[in-house]
Protein backbone atom coordinates (compact mmCIF):
# COMPACT_ATOMS: atom_id res chain seq x y z
CA MET A 1 139.01 -60.63 112.11
CA GLU A 2 135.97 -58.41 112.47
CA GLN A 3 133.06 -60.07 114.08
CA SER A 4 129.33 -59.31 113.46
CA ILE A 5 126.03 -60.93 114.37
CA ALA A 6 123.09 -62.13 112.23
CA TYR A 7 119.78 -60.47 112.75
CA GLY A 8 117.81 -62.07 115.49
CA MET A 9 120.79 -63.58 117.26
CA SER A 10 120.98 -63.21 121.15
CA PRO A 11 124.25 -62.82 123.09
CA TYR A 12 123.69 -66.53 124.26
CA ALA A 13 123.23 -67.72 120.61
CA LEU A 14 126.55 -66.20 119.69
CA THR A 15 128.34 -68.69 122.07
CA GLU A 16 126.58 -71.65 120.59
CA LYS A 17 127.94 -73.91 117.79
CA LEU A 18 125.30 -74.69 115.11
CA ASN A 19 125.85 -77.80 112.96
CA GLY A 20 129.53 -77.80 114.15
CA GLU A 21 129.95 -74.22 113.00
CA GLY A 22 129.63 -71.05 114.76
CA TYR A 23 131.15 -68.47 116.90
CA ASN A 24 134.03 -69.26 119.29
CA MET A 25 133.44 -66.84 122.06
CA THR A 26 132.56 -66.49 125.88
CA ILE A 27 129.25 -65.22 126.96
CA GLU A 28 130.99 -62.07 128.13
CA GLU A 29 132.36 -61.57 124.64
CA GLY A 30 128.96 -62.35 123.14
CA LYS A 31 127.27 -59.74 125.44
CA ARG A 32 129.89 -56.98 124.51
CA LEU A 33 129.35 -57.83 120.85
CA TYR A 34 125.52 -57.67 121.25
CA SER A 35 125.76 -54.41 123.19
CA SER A 36 127.82 -52.94 120.29
CA TYR A 37 125.18 -54.25 117.84
CA GLU A 38 122.44 -52.50 119.83
CA LYS A 39 124.33 -49.15 119.78
CA ASP A 40 125.15 -49.24 116.11
CA PHE A 41 121.67 -50.27 115.10
CA ASP A 42 119.46 -48.44 117.80
CA VAL A 43 117.02 -46.83 115.23
CA GLY A 44 116.43 -50.13 113.43
CA ILE A 45 116.08 -52.17 116.62
CA ARG A 46 113.59 -49.67 117.96
CA PHE A 47 111.73 -49.74 114.63
CA LEU A 48 111.29 -53.54 114.85
CA ARG A 49 110.34 -53.51 118.55
CA ASN A 50 107.73 -50.72 117.89
CA ALA A 51 106.33 -52.68 115.08
CA GLY A 52 106.17 -55.81 117.24
CA GLU A 53 104.51 -54.00 120.06
CA GLN A 54 101.91 -52.46 117.63
CA ALA A 55 101.19 -55.89 115.97
CA LEU A 56 100.49 -57.31 119.62
CA ARG A 57 98.40 -54.31 120.65
CA ASP A 58 96.34 -53.78 117.50
CA GLY A 59 96.43 -57.41 116.11
CA LYS A 60 97.42 -55.93 112.70
CA LEU A 61 100.10 -53.94 110.67
CA LYS A 62 100.18 -52.32 107.32
CA ASN A 63 103.39 -52.14 105.34
CA LEU A 64 104.70 -49.18 103.24
CA GLY A 65 102.74 -50.61 100.23
CA GLY A 66 99.44 -50.98 102.00
CA ARG A 67 99.67 -54.75 102.48
CA MET A 68 98.04 -55.77 105.67
CA ARG A 69 98.87 -58.61 108.26
CA TYR A 70 96.55 -59.75 110.95
CA TRP A 71 97.18 -61.78 114.09
CA ALA A 72 94.70 -63.42 116.61
CA VAL A 73 95.97 -61.61 119.80
CA PRO A 74 95.60 -63.94 122.80
CA SER A 75 93.61 -62.95 125.91
CA SER A 76 95.18 -63.66 129.22
CA ALA A 77 91.60 -63.82 130.61
CA ASP A 78 90.95 -66.96 128.53
CA ARG A 79 91.70 -69.55 131.37
CA ASN A 80 90.93 -72.48 129.18
CA LYS A 81 93.83 -71.68 126.94
CA TYR A 82 96.03 -69.85 129.46
CA PRO A 83 95.30 -71.15 132.95
CA ASN A 84 98.15 -68.94 134.52
CA GLY A 85 96.91 -65.78 132.73
CA MET A 86 99.61 -63.33 131.88
CA ARG A 87 102.28 -65.62 133.44
CA ASP A 88 101.21 -68.55 131.32
CA GLU A 89 104.16 -69.90 129.23
CA SER A 90 101.88 -70.46 126.20
CA PHE A 91 100.54 -66.91 126.57
CA ILE A 92 104.00 -65.42 126.91
CA GLY A 93 105.27 -67.37 123.90
CA LYS A 94 102.31 -66.36 121.78
CA CYS A 95 102.93 -62.75 122.60
CA LYS A 96 106.63 -63.02 121.81
CA ALA A 97 105.85 -64.77 118.52
CA ILE A 98 103.40 -61.92 117.45
CA LYS A 99 106.05 -59.22 118.38
CA ARG A 100 108.83 -60.95 116.32
CA GLU A 101 106.58 -61.61 113.38
CA GLY A 102 105.40 -57.99 113.39
CA GLY A 103 108.85 -56.68 113.05
CA ASN A 104 109.77 -59.20 110.39
CA PHE A 105 106.51 -58.56 108.47
CA LEU A 106 107.42 -54.87 107.94
CA ILE A 107 110.85 -55.76 106.55
CA GLN A 108 110.05 -58.92 104.64
CA SER A 109 106.80 -57.90 103.01
CA VAL A 110 108.28 -54.71 101.59
CA ASN A 111 111.16 -56.60 100.35
CA ALA A 112 108.87 -59.00 98.61
CA ASP A 113 106.75 -56.05 97.29
CA MET A 114 109.88 -54.46 95.86
CA THR A 115 110.96 -57.70 94.28
CA LYS A 116 107.65 -58.29 92.65
CA GLN A 117 107.61 -54.63 91.26
CA ALA A 118 111.01 -55.29 89.81
CA MET A 119 109.77 -58.39 88.03
CA ILE A 120 106.82 -56.40 86.64
CA TYR A 121 109.37 -53.79 85.30
CA ILE A 122 111.60 -56.53 83.86
CA ARG A 123 108.76 -58.31 82.07
CA ARG A 124 107.62 -55.01 80.54
CA TYR A 125 111.14 -54.26 79.51
CA LYS A 126 111.56 -57.63 77.88
CA LYS A 127 108.41 -57.17 75.87
CA LEU A 128 109.24 -53.61 74.81
CA HIS A 129 112.79 -54.23 73.85
CA ASN A 130 112.48 -57.82 72.64
CA VAL A 131 115.05 -59.16 74.98
CA ARG A 132 115.47 -62.88 74.81
CA THR A 133 115.30 -63.59 78.60
CA GLU A 134 113.19 -65.69 80.94
CA PHE A 135 112.80 -65.78 84.69
CA MET A 136 114.52 -68.84 86.05
CA ASN A 137 114.11 -68.26 89.93
CA GLN A 138 113.26 -65.61 92.49
CA VAL A 139 114.39 -66.06 96.19
CA TYR A 140 114.01 -63.25 98.66
CA ASP A 141 115.57 -60.31 96.90
CA GLU A 142 117.26 -62.22 94.01
CA ILE A 143 115.87 -62.42 90.46
CA VAL A 144 117.58 -64.97 88.37
CA THR A 145 117.02 -64.75 84.68
CA ARG A 146 118.36 -66.85 81.74
CA THR A 147 119.24 -64.44 78.85
CA HIS A 148 120.56 -64.92 75.39
CA LYS A 149 124.32 -64.18 75.11
CA ASP A 150 123.77 -61.39 72.74
CA ASP A 151 121.31 -59.58 75.15
CA SER A 152 123.08 -60.40 78.47
CA GLU A 153 125.40 -57.44 79.15
CA SER A 154 122.94 -54.73 78.24
CA PHE A 155 120.03 -56.47 79.91
CA HIS A 156 121.99 -57.05 82.96
CA LYS A 157 122.62 -53.35 83.47
CA ALA A 158 118.93 -52.50 82.74
CA LYS A 159 117.75 -55.21 85.19
CA GLN A 160 119.84 -53.67 87.97
CA LYS A 161 118.36 -50.27 87.06
CA MET A 162 114.96 -51.59 87.19
CA MET A 163 115.46 -53.32 90.64
CA ILE A 164 116.72 -49.93 92.03
CA GLU A 165 113.72 -48.10 90.53
CA ALA A 166 111.29 -50.64 92.07
CA ALA A 167 112.91 -50.30 95.43
CA GLY A 168 112.69 -46.53 95.21
CA LYS A 169 108.89 -46.80 95.03
CA TYR A 170 108.85 -47.95 98.60
CA LEU A 171 112.03 -46.65 100.21
CA LYS A 172 112.35 -43.10 98.75
CA ASN A 173 115.00 -41.84 101.14
CA ILE A 174 117.36 -44.91 101.36
CA PRO A 175 119.94 -45.29 98.66
CA MET A 176 119.86 -48.71 97.14
CA GLU A 177 122.40 -50.97 95.31
CA VAL A 178 122.00 -54.12 93.37
CA GLU A 179 124.62 -56.67 92.98
CA GLY A 180 124.76 -59.23 90.33
CA ASN A 181 126.70 -60.87 87.64
CA VAL A 182 126.41 -62.32 84.11
CA GLY A 183 127.73 -65.77 83.84
CA ARG A 184 127.30 -69.20 82.00
CA SER A 185 125.54 -70.64 85.02
CA TRP A 186 123.67 -69.41 88.21
CA THR A 187 126.01 -68.96 91.22
CA LYS A 188 125.55 -67.56 94.67
């Protein structure tokens, strides 16, 4: 069985059982798997870490679409909040949180922007082509619609195309794929 890790997991988390489920490996196996992950995804990891460092340094980041996010960067000189300065656990924790949020912001906000753009395209398409469809749900990068059975197959293909087009507005050099299905009920 091929093993892989979820984004954000540490070598130590790989050995823990969560809710009775999880990985069954030693810490050495977890470290080897994590090391392999770091080699395979070096560019992405550096991107996320650099974004986190910039968020902490500048207190702000701008995503590909121009959306801004701001952080209140802590000052180790504030001895009322951080009595031990740079060694204060609260100060260290706040800095780590900003770094993690900075990397996540650049990924998650662009995903949200692409999905919203796709929803705009879908709404326009629906009106222009008199498609009998309604938005039912949107979660992360998933857009669930309820469509009349006579429109379902053709609309599904158009919807996938519009989602790829929306992603292309932001990620011009990255090929995109959209998965989906037509069914009588929503399934994951």
